[in-house]
């Protein structure tokens, strides 16, 4: 008997409030770590680090992003967000 996944079941789980909240909670830990270790010149980069929920038909994800125009440059030089992710992952 071949396996036939129940797509509606997986979509329901992937977009459900419990799983979405788990993603937001983990993203908030990463955001907090990134803010605490962010380099500060004007404070714009540090203040622009936020968590957003991105929704689709099959799943919701939480994204940590920095919206300051210099974020890409700062991240490429410091690796701040990458360090924050690794730090939270290690526990």
N, C-alpha and C. Protein backbone atom coordinates (compact mmCIF):
# COMPACT_ATOMS: atom_id res chain seq x y z
N UNK A 1 0.85 -1.18 0.00
CA UNK A 1 0.00 0.00 0.00
C UNK A 1 0.90 1.24 0.00
N UNK A 2 0.80 2.08 -1.01
CA UNK A 2 1.64 3.28 -1.08
C UNK A 2 1.19 4.34 -0.07
N UNK A 3 2.16 5.12 0.34
CA UNK A 3 1.88 6.22 1.27
C UNK A 3 1.23 7.37 0.52
N UNK A 4 0.12 7.84 1.02
CA UNK A 4 -0.56 8.99 0.43
C UNK A 4 -0.71 10.05 1.51
N UNK A 5 0.12 11.10 1.44
CA UNK A 5 0.06 12.13 2.48
C UNK A 5 -1.26 12.89 2.43
N UNK A 6 -1.72 13.29 3.57
CA UNK A 6 -2.93 14.08 3.69
C UNK A 6 -2.51 15.55 3.68
N UNK A 7 -2.55 16.18 2.52
CA UNK A 7 -2.07 17.55 2.37
C UNK A 7 -2.81 18.54 3.27
N UNK A 8 -4.10 18.37 3.43
CA UNK A 8 -4.85 19.32 4.26
C UNK A 8 -4.42 19.21 5.73
N UNK A 9 -4.10 18.00 6.17
CA UNK A 9 -3.62 17.81 7.54
C UNK A 9 -2.31 18.56 7.76
N UNK A 10 -1.36 18.40 6.84
CA UNK A 10 -0.07 19.07 6.99
C UNK A 10 -0.20 20.58 6.84
N UNK A 11 -1.09 21.04 5.99
CA UNK A 11 -1.33 22.48 5.86
C UNK A 11 -1.92 23.05 7.15
N UNK A 12 -2.84 22.29 7.75
CA UNK A 12 -3.46 22.73 9.00
C UNK A 12 -2.42 22.84 10.11
N UNK A 13 -1.53 21.87 10.21
CA UNK A 13 -0.47 21.92 11.21
C UNK A 13 0.49 23.06 10.92
N UNK A 14 0.89 23.20 9.66
CA UNK A 14 1.88 24.22 9.28
C UNK A 14 1.40 25.65 9.44
N UNK A 15 0.09 25.85 9.44
CA UNK A 15 -0.44 27.20 9.58
C UNK A 15 -1.15 27.40 10.92
N UNK A 16 -1.13 26.38 11.77
CA UNK A 16 -1.82 26.45 13.05
C UNK A 16 -1.17 27.42 14.02
N UNK A 17 -1.94 27.94 14.95
CA UNK A 17 -1.42 28.94 15.90
C UNK A 17 -0.32 28.40 16.82
N UNK A 18 -0.38 27.11 17.18
CA UNK A 18 0.62 26.56 18.09
C UNK A 18 2.00 26.53 17.45
N UNK A 19 2.07 26.01 16.24
CA UNK A 19 3.35 25.93 15.54
C UNK A 19 3.87 27.32 15.17
N UNK A 20 2.96 28.19 14.76
CA UNK A 20 3.36 29.56 14.44
C UNK A 20 3.96 30.24 15.66
N UNK A 21 3.33 30.05 16.82
CA UNK A 21 3.85 30.66 18.05
C UNK A 21 5.20 30.08 18.44
N UNK A 22 5.40 28.79 18.22
CA UNK A 22 6.71 28.18 18.50
C UNK A 22 7.79 28.83 17.62
N UNK A 23 7.45 29.07 16.37
CA UNK A 23 8.41 29.73 15.45
C UNK A 23 8.70 31.15 15.90
N UNK A 24 7.67 31.88 16.30
CA UNK A 24 7.84 33.27 16.76
C UNK A 24 8.69 33.29 18.03
N UNK A 25 8.44 32.38 18.95
CA UNK A 25 9.21 32.34 20.19
C UNK A 25 10.70 32.13 19.92
N UNK A 26 11.03 31.20 19.02
CA UNK A 26 12.43 30.95 18.68
C UNK A 26 13.03 32.16 17.96
N UNK A 27 12.27 32.76 17.07
CA UNK A 27 12.75 33.95 16.35
C UNK A 27 12.98 35.11 17.31
N UNK A 28 12.15 35.24 18.33
CA UNK A 28 12.35 36.30 19.34
C UNK A 28 13.64 36.08 20.12
N UNK A 29 13.98 34.83 20.40
CA UNK A 29 15.25 34.53 21.07
C UNK A 29 16.42 34.97 20.18
N UNK A 30 16.32 34.68 18.89
CA UNK A 30 17.37 35.08 17.96
C UNK A 30 17.44 36.60 17.86
N UNK A 31 16.28 37.26 17.77
CA UNK A 31 16.25 38.73 17.70
C UNK A 31 16.90 39.34 18.93
N UNK A 32 16.56 38.81 20.08
CA UNK A 32 17.13 39.33 21.33
C UNK A 32 18.65 39.19 21.35
N UNK A 33 19.14 38.02 20.92
CA UNK A 33 20.59 37.80 20.87
C UNK A 33 21.25 38.73 19.86
N UNK A 34 20.61 38.94 18.72
CA UNK A 34 21.17 39.81 17.68
C UNK A 34 21.20 41.27 18.15
N UNK A 35 20.15 41.70 18.83
CA UNK A 35 20.11 43.08 19.34
C UNK A 35 21.17 43.29 20.41
N UNK A 36 21.34 42.31 21.29
CA UNK A 36 22.30 42.48 22.38
C UNK A 36 23.74 42.52 21.89
N UNK A 37 24.01 41.89 20.74
CA UNK A 37 25.39 41.88 20.23
C UNK A 37 25.59 42.79 19.02
N UNK A 38 24.58 43.55 18.66
CA UNK A 38 24.66 44.40 17.46
C UNK A 38 25.65 45.54 17.67
N UNK A 39 26.44 45.83 16.65
CA UNK A 39 27.32 46.99 16.74
C UNK A 39 26.48 48.27 16.72
N UNK A 40 26.92 49.27 17.45
CA UNK A 40 26.14 50.50 17.54
C UNK A 40 26.98 51.68 17.05
N UNK A 41 26.53 52.29 15.98
CA UNK A 41 27.09 53.55 15.52
C UNK A 41 26.01 54.60 15.74
N UNK A 42 24.98 54.54 14.92
CA UNK A 42 23.85 55.45 15.10
C UNK A 42 22.71 54.77 15.85
N UNK A 43 22.74 53.44 15.93
CA UNK A 43 21.66 52.69 16.57
C UNK A 43 20.57 52.28 15.60
N UNK A 44 20.68 52.73 14.35
CA UNK A 44 19.63 52.43 13.36
C UNK A 44 19.56 50.93 13.05
N UNK A 45 20.71 50.30 12.88
CA UNK A 45 20.72 48.85 12.59
C UNK A 45 20.11 48.08 13.76
N UNK A 46 20.58 48.35 14.94
CA UNK A 46 20.11 47.66 16.14
C UNK A 46 18.60 47.83 16.30
N UNK A 47 18.12 49.04 16.07
CA UNK A 47 16.69 49.32 16.21
C UNK A 47 15.83 48.74 15.11
N UNK A 48 16.46 48.32 14.02
CA UNK A 48 15.68 47.81 12.89
C UNK A 48 15.52 46.29 12.91
N UNK A 49 16.08 45.62 13.89
CA UNK A 49 15.98 44.16 13.94
C UNK A 49 14.62 43.77 14.52
N UNK A 50 13.83 43.08 13.71
CA UNK A 50 12.47 42.72 14.10
C UNK A 50 12.16 41.28 13.72
N UNK A 51 11.05 40.79 14.24
CA UNK A 51 10.52 39.47 13.88
C UNK A 51 9.22 39.70 13.12
N UNK A 52 9.09 39.01 11.99
CA UNK A 52 7.86 39.08 11.20
C UNK A 52 7.40 37.67 10.89
N UNK A 53 6.10 37.49 10.85
CA UNK A 53 5.52 36.20 10.47
C UNK A 53 5.16 36.29 8.99
N UNK A 54 5.66 35.35 8.23
CA UNK A 54 5.31 35.27 6.81
C UNK A 54 4.39 34.07 6.64
N UNK A 55 3.24 34.31 6.03
CA UNK A 55 2.20 33.29 5.91
C UNK A 55 2.06 32.84 4.46
N UNK A 56 1.82 31.57 4.29
CA UNK A 56 1.48 31.03 2.97
C UNK A 56 0.35 30.02 3.17
N UNK A 57 -0.10 29.43 2.11
CA UNK A 57 -1.20 28.48 2.20
C UNK A 57 -0.82 27.23 2.97
N UNK A 58 0.45 26.84 2.93
CA UNK A 58 0.86 25.57 3.53
C UNK A 58 1.59 25.69 4.85
N UNK A 59 2.21 26.86 5.11
CA UNK A 59 2.94 26.99 6.37
C UNK A 59 3.19 28.46 6.70
N UNK A 60 3.41 28.69 7.97
CA UNK A 60 3.81 30.00 8.46
C UNK A 60 5.23 29.90 8.97
N UNK A 61 6.00 30.93 8.76
CA UNK A 61 7.36 30.97 9.27
C UNK A 61 7.59 32.31 9.95
N UNK A 62 8.51 32.33 10.91
CA UNK A 62 8.91 33.57 11.56
C UNK A 62 10.29 33.92 11.05
N UNK A 63 10.47 35.18 10.69
CA UNK A 63 11.70 35.66 10.09
C UNK A 63 12.27 36.78 10.94
N UNK A 64 13.57 36.70 11.22
CA UNK A 64 14.27 37.79 11.91
C UNK A 64 14.95 38.60 10.82
N UNK A 65 14.64 39.89 10.77
CA UNK A 65 15.24 40.71 9.72
C UNK A 65 15.62 42.07 10.26
N UNK A 66 16.60 42.66 9.60
CA UNK A 66 17.01 44.03 9.91
C UNK A 66 16.70 44.87 8.68
N UNK A 67 16.00 45.96 8.88
CA UNK A 67 15.54 46.76 7.75
C UNK A 67 16.36 48.02 7.50
N UNK A 68 17.36 48.27 8.32
CA UNK A 68 18.21 49.43 8.08
C UNK A 68 18.90 49.28 6.72
N UNK A 69 19.03 50.35 5.95
CA UNK A 69 19.68 50.25 4.63
C UNK A 69 21.10 49.69 4.69
N UNK A 70 21.78 49.84 5.79
CA UNK A 70 23.15 49.35 5.91
C UNK A 70 23.25 47.93 6.49
N UNK A 71 22.12 47.27 6.69
CA UNK A 71 22.09 45.95 7.33
C UNK A 71 22.94 44.92 6.61
N UNK A 72 22.85 44.87 5.30
CA UNK A 72 23.62 43.89 4.54
C UNK A 72 25.12 44.12 4.71
N UNK A 73 25.53 45.36 4.68
CA UNK A 73 26.94 45.69 4.87
C UNK A 73 27.39 45.31 6.29
N UNK A 74 26.60 45.67 7.27
CA UNK A 74 26.94 45.36 8.66
C UNK A 74 27.02 43.86 8.88
N UNK A 75 26.04 43.13 8.33
CA UNK A 75 26.04 41.67 8.50
C UNK A 75 27.24 41.05 7.79
N UNK A 76 27.59 41.56 6.62
CA UNK A 76 28.73 40.97 5.90
C UNK A 76 30.05 41.21 6.64
N UNK A 77 30.12 42.28 7.39
CA UNK A 77 31.36 42.59 8.13
C UNK A 77 31.41 41.95 9.51
N UNK A 78 30.23 41.81 10.14
CA UNK A 78 30.23 41.34 11.53
C UNK A 78 29.68 39.94 11.73
N UNK A 79 28.78 39.50 10.86
CA UNK A 79 28.13 38.20 11.04
C UNK A 79 27.22 38.17 12.26
N UNK A 80 26.69 39.31 12.64
CA UNK A 80 25.90 39.42 13.86
C UNK A 80 24.70 38.47 13.89
N UNK A 81 23.90 38.49 12.85
CA UNK A 81 22.70 37.63 12.83
C UNK A 81 23.10 36.15 12.81
N UNK A 82 24.10 35.81 12.02
CA UNK A 82 24.54 34.42 11.95
C UNK A 82 25.02 33.93 13.32
N UNK A 83 25.74 34.77 14.04
CA UNK A 83 26.20 34.41 15.39
C UNK A 83 25.01 34.23 16.33
N UNK A 84 24.01 35.10 16.19
CA UNK A 84 22.83 35.00 17.04
C UNK A 84 22.09 33.67 16.79
N UNK A 85 21.98 33.29 15.53
CA UNK A 85 21.31 32.01 15.20
C UNK A 85 22.11 30.86 15.80
N UNK A 86 23.41 30.86 15.61
CA UNK A 86 24.23 29.77 16.15
C UNK A 86 24.16 29.72 17.67
N UNK A 87 24.16 30.88 18.31
CA UNK A 87 24.09 30.93 19.77
C UNK A 87 22.79 30.36 20.30
N UNK A 88 21.69 30.69 19.67
CA UNK A 88 20.38 30.17 20.10
C UNK A 88 20.29 28.68 19.80
N UNK A 89 20.85 28.27 18.68
CA UNK A 89 20.81 26.86 18.30
C UNK A 89 21.56 25.99 19.32
N UNK A 90 22.68 26.51 19.82
CA UNK A 90 23.48 25.75 20.81
C UNK A 90 22.79 25.68 22.16
N UNK A 91 21.95 26.70 22.43
CA UNK A 91 21.23 26.69 23.70
C UNK A 91 21.94 27.46 24.69
